[in-house]
N, C-alpha and C. Protein backbone atom coordinates (compact mmCIF):
# COMPACT_ATOMS: atom_id res chain seq x y z
N MET A 1 141.75 130.51 42.66
CA MET A 1 140.58 130.61 41.80
C MET A 1 141.07 130.92 40.39
N THR A 2 140.41 130.35 39.43
CA THR A 2 140.76 130.54 38.03
C THR A 2 140.09 131.80 37.49
N THR A 3 140.88 132.65 36.84
CA THR A 3 140.30 133.81 36.18
C THR A 3 139.83 133.37 34.80
N ARG A 4 138.61 133.68 34.46
CA ARG A 4 138.02 133.28 33.19
C ARG A 4 138.46 134.21 32.07
N PRO A 5 138.29 133.79 30.81
CA PRO A 5 138.76 134.58 29.66
C PRO A 5 138.26 136.02 29.63
N ASP A 6 137.09 136.29 30.20
CA ASP A 6 136.58 137.66 30.15
C ASP A 6 137.21 138.53 31.24
N GLY A 7 138.15 137.97 31.99
CA GLY A 7 138.87 138.76 32.97
C GLY A 7 138.22 138.80 34.34
N THR A 8 137.09 138.16 34.51
CA THR A 8 136.44 138.19 35.82
C THR A 8 136.65 136.88 36.54
N ALA A 9 136.70 136.97 37.84
CA ALA A 9 136.78 135.78 38.69
C ALA A 9 135.48 135.74 39.48
N THR A 10 134.68 134.73 39.20
CA THR A 10 133.37 134.61 39.84
C THR A 10 133.38 133.44 40.81
N LEU A 11 132.82 133.66 41.97
CA LEU A 11 132.66 132.64 42.99
C LEU A 11 131.17 132.40 43.19
N ILE A 12 130.77 131.14 43.14
CA ILE A 12 129.39 130.77 43.47
C ILE A 12 129.41 130.13 44.85
N VAL A 13 128.51 130.56 45.70
CA VAL A 13 128.37 130.01 47.05
C VAL A 13 127.07 129.23 47.12
N ILE A 14 127.16 127.97 47.52
CA ILE A 14 125.98 127.13 47.66
C ILE A 14 125.89 126.70 49.11
N SER A 15 124.85 127.16 49.80
CA SER A 15 124.69 126.85 51.22
C SER A 15 123.41 126.06 51.51
N ARG A 16 122.77 125.59 50.44
CA ARG A 16 121.56 124.78 50.61
C ARG A 16 121.71 123.47 49.85
N ASN A 17 120.95 122.49 50.27
CA ASN A 17 120.94 121.20 49.57
C ASN A 17 119.91 121.30 48.45
N GLY A 18 120.20 122.17 47.50
CA GLY A 18 119.28 122.50 46.43
C GLY A 18 119.38 123.98 46.15
N MET A 19 118.33 124.54 45.58
CA MET A 19 118.33 125.96 45.24
C MET A 19 117.03 126.58 45.71
N GLY A 20 117.13 127.67 46.44
CA GLY A 20 115.94 128.36 46.93
C GLY A 20 115.37 127.74 48.20
N ASP A 21 114.26 128.28 48.63
CA ASP A 21 113.62 127.84 49.87
C ASP A 21 112.38 126.99 49.63
N ALA A 22 112.26 126.41 48.46
CA ALA A 22 111.08 125.61 48.12
C ALA A 22 111.19 124.21 48.72
N GLU A 23 110.23 123.36 48.39
CA GLU A 23 110.28 121.97 48.83
C GLU A 23 111.57 121.34 48.32
N PRO A 24 112.11 120.36 49.05
CA PRO A 24 113.38 119.75 48.65
C PRO A 24 113.42 119.25 47.21
N GLU A 25 112.36 118.61 46.75
CA GLU A 25 112.34 118.09 45.38
C GLU A 25 112.51 119.21 44.35
N LEU A 26 111.83 120.32 44.56
CA LEU A 26 111.94 121.45 43.64
C LEU A 26 113.33 122.07 43.72
N GLY A 27 113.85 122.24 44.93
CA GLY A 27 115.19 122.79 45.10
C GLY A 27 116.25 121.97 44.39
N GLN A 28 116.12 120.64 44.47
CA GLN A 28 117.06 119.74 43.80
C GLN A 28 116.92 119.86 42.28
N ARG A 29 115.70 119.95 41.80
CA ARG A 29 115.47 120.10 40.36
C ARG A 29 116.07 121.42 39.85
N LEU A 30 115.88 122.49 40.63
CA LEU A 30 116.40 123.80 40.23
C LEU A 30 117.92 123.82 40.17
N ILE A 31 118.59 123.23 41.18
CA ILE A 31 120.06 123.26 41.18
C ILE A 31 120.60 122.41 40.04
N ARG A 32 119.92 121.32 39.72
CA ARG A 32 120.35 120.48 38.58
C ARG A 32 120.24 121.27 37.27
N THR A 33 119.13 121.97 37.09
CA THR A 33 118.95 122.78 35.89
C THR A 33 120.00 123.89 35.82
N TYR A 34 120.23 124.56 36.93
CA TYR A 34 121.20 125.65 36.98
C TYR A 34 122.59 125.15 36.58
N LEU A 35 123.04 124.06 37.20
CA LEU A 35 124.38 123.55 36.91
C LEU A 35 124.49 123.03 35.48
N THR A 36 123.44 122.42 34.97
CA THR A 36 123.42 121.95 33.57
C THR A 36 123.59 123.12 32.62
N LEU A 37 122.82 124.17 32.84
CA LEU A 37 122.89 125.35 31.96
C LEU A 37 124.23 126.07 32.10
N LEU A 38 124.78 126.06 33.29
CA LEU A 38 126.10 126.65 33.51
C LEU A 38 127.15 125.93 32.65
N LEU A 39 127.10 124.61 32.67
CA LEU A 39 128.03 123.82 31.85
C LEU A 39 127.80 124.06 30.36
N GLU A 40 126.56 124.07 29.94
CA GLU A 40 126.24 124.25 28.52
C GLU A 40 126.62 125.63 28.02
N SER A 41 126.50 126.63 28.87
CA SER A 41 126.77 128.01 28.47
C SER A 41 128.27 128.30 28.39
N ASN A 42 129.06 127.47 29.05
CA ASN A 42 130.51 127.66 29.12
C ASN A 42 130.88 128.94 29.87
N MET A 43 129.97 129.46 30.67
CA MET A 43 130.27 130.61 31.54
C MET A 43 130.58 130.05 32.92
N LEU A 44 131.77 129.53 33.07
CA LEU A 44 132.12 128.82 34.28
C LEU A 44 132.72 129.74 35.33
N PRO A 45 132.36 129.53 36.58
CA PRO A 45 132.97 130.32 37.66
C PRO A 45 134.38 129.82 37.93
N GLY A 46 135.15 130.61 38.63
CA GLY A 46 136.47 130.16 39.05
C GLY A 46 136.38 129.14 40.15
N ALA A 47 135.38 129.30 41.02
CA ALA A 47 135.22 128.39 42.16
C ALA A 47 133.78 128.34 42.61
N ILE A 48 133.45 127.25 43.29
CA ILE A 48 132.17 127.10 43.97
C ILE A 48 132.48 126.67 45.39
N CYS A 49 131.94 127.40 46.37
CA CYS A 49 132.10 127.04 47.78
C CYS A 49 130.82 126.39 48.27
N PHE A 50 130.96 125.30 48.98
CA PHE A 50 129.82 124.59 49.56
C PHE A 50 129.95 124.63 51.07
N TYR A 51 128.93 125.16 51.75
CA TYR A 51 128.92 125.08 53.21
C TYR A 51 127.50 124.93 53.71
N THR A 52 127.36 124.77 55.00
CA THR A 52 126.12 124.33 55.68
C THR A 52 125.52 123.17 54.90
N ASN A 53 124.23 123.16 54.64
CA ASN A 53 123.60 122.02 53.96
C ASN A 53 124.04 121.86 52.51
N GLY A 54 124.69 122.85 51.94
CA GLY A 54 125.19 122.75 50.58
C GLY A 54 126.22 121.65 50.40
N VAL A 55 126.92 121.28 51.49
CA VAL A 55 127.93 120.22 51.38
C VAL A 55 127.31 118.89 50.98
N ARG A 56 126.04 118.72 51.21
CA ARG A 56 125.38 117.46 50.85
C ARG A 56 125.39 117.22 49.33
N LEU A 57 125.53 118.29 48.55
CA LEU A 57 125.53 118.17 47.10
C LEU A 57 126.81 117.51 46.56
N VAL A 58 127.88 117.51 47.34
CA VAL A 58 129.14 116.92 46.87
C VAL A 58 129.35 115.50 47.40
N THR A 59 128.34 114.96 48.06
CA THR A 59 128.50 113.65 48.68
C THR A 59 127.85 112.54 47.86
N GLU A 60 128.23 111.32 48.21
CA GLU A 60 127.68 110.13 47.56
C GLU A 60 126.16 110.19 47.55
N GLY A 61 125.58 109.90 46.39
CA GLY A 61 124.12 109.89 46.24
C GLY A 61 123.52 111.23 45.85
N SER A 62 124.34 112.26 45.75
CA SER A 62 123.83 113.58 45.36
C SER A 62 123.28 113.53 43.94
N PRO A 63 122.12 114.17 43.70
CA PRO A 63 121.55 114.17 42.35
C PRO A 63 122.31 115.04 41.36
N VAL A 64 123.30 115.80 41.82
CA VAL A 64 124.07 116.66 40.92
C VAL A 64 125.55 116.31 40.91
N LEU A 65 125.90 115.19 41.47
CA LEU A 65 127.30 114.80 41.56
C LEU A 65 127.96 114.73 40.18
N ASP A 66 127.25 114.20 39.20
CA ASP A 66 127.79 114.10 37.85
C ASP A 66 128.11 115.47 37.26
N LEU A 67 127.26 116.44 37.52
CA LEU A 67 127.48 117.79 37.01
C LEU A 67 128.65 118.46 37.71
N LEU A 68 128.75 118.25 39.01
CA LEU A 68 129.86 118.83 39.77
C LEU A 68 131.19 118.21 39.33
N GLU A 69 131.19 116.93 39.04
CA GLU A 69 132.41 116.29 38.52
C GLU A 69 132.81 116.90 37.18
N GLN A 70 131.83 117.18 36.33
CA GLN A 70 132.13 117.81 35.04
C GLN A 70 132.71 119.21 35.23
N LEU A 71 132.14 119.96 36.17
CA LEU A 71 132.66 121.30 36.45
C LEU A 71 134.09 121.22 36.95
N ALA A 72 134.36 120.30 37.87
CA ALA A 72 135.72 120.13 38.40
C ALA A 72 136.68 119.74 37.27
N ASN A 73 136.24 118.86 36.40
CA ASN A 73 137.08 118.43 35.27
C ASN A 73 137.36 119.56 34.30
N ARG A 74 136.52 120.57 34.31
CA ARG A 74 136.72 121.73 33.42
C ARG A 74 137.42 122.88 34.13
N GLY A 75 137.96 122.61 35.31
CA GLY A 75 138.80 123.58 35.99
C GLY A 75 138.14 124.43 37.06
N VAL A 76 136.88 124.16 37.38
CA VAL A 76 136.22 124.91 38.44
C VAL A 76 136.68 124.33 39.78
N HIS A 77 137.18 125.19 40.64
CA HIS A 77 137.68 124.77 41.96
C HIS A 77 136.48 124.61 42.90
N LEU A 78 136.26 123.41 43.41
CA LEU A 78 135.15 123.14 44.33
C LEU A 78 135.70 123.05 45.74
N ILE A 79 135.26 123.98 46.60
CA ILE A 79 135.74 124.05 47.97
C ILE A 79 134.61 123.61 48.90
N VAL A 80 134.89 122.60 49.71
CA VAL A 80 133.89 122.00 50.59
C VAL A 80 134.29 122.29 52.04
N CYS A 81 133.38 122.85 52.80
CA CYS A 81 133.64 123.24 54.19
C CYS A 81 133.89 122.02 55.08
N LYS A 82 135.10 121.95 55.64
CA LYS A 82 135.47 120.84 56.52
C LYS A 82 134.63 120.81 57.78
N THR A 83 134.41 121.96 58.39
CA THR A 83 133.59 122.00 59.61
C THR A 83 132.21 121.44 59.35
N CYS A 84 131.64 121.76 58.18
CA CYS A 84 130.28 121.32 57.85
C CYS A 84 130.21 119.81 57.60
N VAL A 85 131.15 119.27 56.80
CA VAL A 85 131.10 117.83 56.54
C VAL A 85 131.39 117.05 57.82
N ASP A 86 132.27 117.58 58.67
CA ASP A 86 132.51 116.93 59.97
C ASP A 86 131.24 116.97 60.82
N TYR A 87 130.60 118.12 60.87
CA TYR A 87 129.39 118.29 61.68
C TYR A 87 128.29 117.30 61.27
N PHE A 88 128.09 117.14 59.97
CA PHE A 88 127.06 116.24 59.47
C PHE A 88 127.53 114.78 59.37
N GLY A 89 128.79 114.51 59.68
CA GLY A 89 129.32 113.16 59.59
C GLY A 89 129.43 112.66 58.15
N LEU A 90 129.76 113.56 57.22
CA LEU A 90 129.77 113.23 55.80
C LEU A 90 131.17 113.18 55.20
N THR A 91 132.19 113.34 56.00
CA THR A 91 133.55 113.45 55.48
C THR A 91 133.90 112.28 54.56
N ASP A 92 133.56 111.07 54.94
CA ASP A 92 133.90 109.89 54.14
C ASP A 92 133.02 109.75 52.90
N GLN A 93 131.97 110.56 52.79
CA GLN A 93 131.06 110.47 51.65
C GLN A 93 131.31 111.53 50.59
N VAL A 94 132.24 112.45 50.83
CA VAL A 94 132.55 113.50 49.85
C VAL A 94 133.17 112.83 48.62
N ARG A 95 132.60 113.11 47.45
CA ARG A 95 133.03 112.47 46.20
C ARG A 95 133.65 113.42 45.19
N VAL A 96 133.53 114.71 45.43
CA VAL A 96 134.10 115.69 44.50
C VAL A 96 134.48 116.94 45.29
N GLY A 97 135.50 117.63 44.83
CA GLY A 97 135.92 118.85 45.48
C GLY A 97 137.04 118.62 46.48
N VAL A 98 137.50 119.72 47.05
CA VAL A 98 138.57 119.70 48.03
C VAL A 98 137.98 120.15 49.37
N ILE A 99 138.18 119.33 50.38
CA ILE A 99 137.71 119.71 51.71
C ILE A 99 138.69 120.74 52.25
N GLY A 100 138.16 121.91 52.57
CA GLY A 100 139.00 122.99 53.04
C GLY A 100 138.42 123.67 54.25
N GLY A 101 139.20 124.53 54.81
CA GLY A 101 138.76 125.27 55.99
C GLY A 101 138.18 126.62 55.63
N MET A 102 137.79 127.35 56.64
CA MET A 102 137.22 128.67 56.43
C MET A 102 138.24 129.61 55.80
N THR A 103 139.52 129.38 56.02
CA THR A 103 140.53 130.22 55.37
C THR A 103 140.50 130.06 53.85
N ASP A 104 140.17 128.85 53.38
CA ASP A 104 140.03 128.62 51.93
C ASP A 104 138.82 129.36 51.38
N VAL A 105 137.73 129.36 52.13
CA VAL A 105 136.52 130.08 51.72
C VAL A 105 136.80 131.58 51.67
N ILE A 106 137.45 132.09 52.69
CA ILE A 106 137.78 133.51 52.74
C ILE A 106 138.71 133.90 51.58
N ALA A 107 139.70 133.07 51.31
CA ALA A 107 140.62 133.36 50.20
C ALA A 107 139.87 133.41 48.87
N ALA A 108 138.96 132.46 48.65
CA ALA A 108 138.17 132.45 47.41
C ALA A 108 137.30 133.70 47.31
N GLN A 109 136.73 134.13 48.43
CA GLN A 109 135.90 135.34 48.42
C GLN A 109 136.73 136.57 48.09
N TRP A 110 137.91 136.67 48.64
CA TRP A 110 138.75 137.84 48.39
C TRP A 110 139.29 137.88 46.97
N GLU A 111 139.51 136.70 46.38
CA GLU A 111 140.00 136.65 45.01
C GLU A 111 138.89 136.95 43.99
N ALA A 112 137.66 136.75 44.40
CA ALA A 112 136.54 136.90 43.48
C ALA A 112 136.27 138.38 43.17
N GLN A 113 135.91 138.63 41.92
CA GLN A 113 135.42 139.95 41.53
C GLN A 113 133.91 140.00 41.65
N LYS A 114 133.30 138.82 41.64
CA LYS A 114 131.84 138.74 41.76
C LYS A 114 131.51 137.48 42.56
N ILE A 115 130.55 137.59 43.49
CA ILE A 115 130.09 136.44 44.28
C ILE A 115 128.60 136.27 44.04
N ILE A 116 128.22 135.04 43.67
CA ILE A 116 126.81 134.70 43.46
C ILE A 116 126.43 133.71 44.55
N HIS A 117 125.41 134.03 45.32
CA HIS A 117 124.96 133.14 46.39
C HIS A 117 123.65 132.49 46.00
N LEU A 118 123.64 131.15 45.93
CA LEU A 118 122.43 130.42 45.57
C LEU A 118 121.74 129.92 46.82
């Protein structure tokens, strides 16, 4: 995980195909706004972990794929749960991030000084 200039290492965990428990369209709109503002603010996390339904955001056709690519290009480590993409049959559709195991998720959590769960 990358330590940011302010000395903190932040991990964002995304476990939903969107943000919050609202209707899917609203959840997708919220996660797009969140990621856009994150990029614009330049307050980037060291890593983002995607698991359960959150892995759908890194796959082909995701409405936030462009934003996640920008985050990756700016040094944010994107960790995608292998068990989850295998379970959903999405392994061949992952377009951004590194497919990793639970040990990668645990390592990112232990390195983090702050964890934000969306």
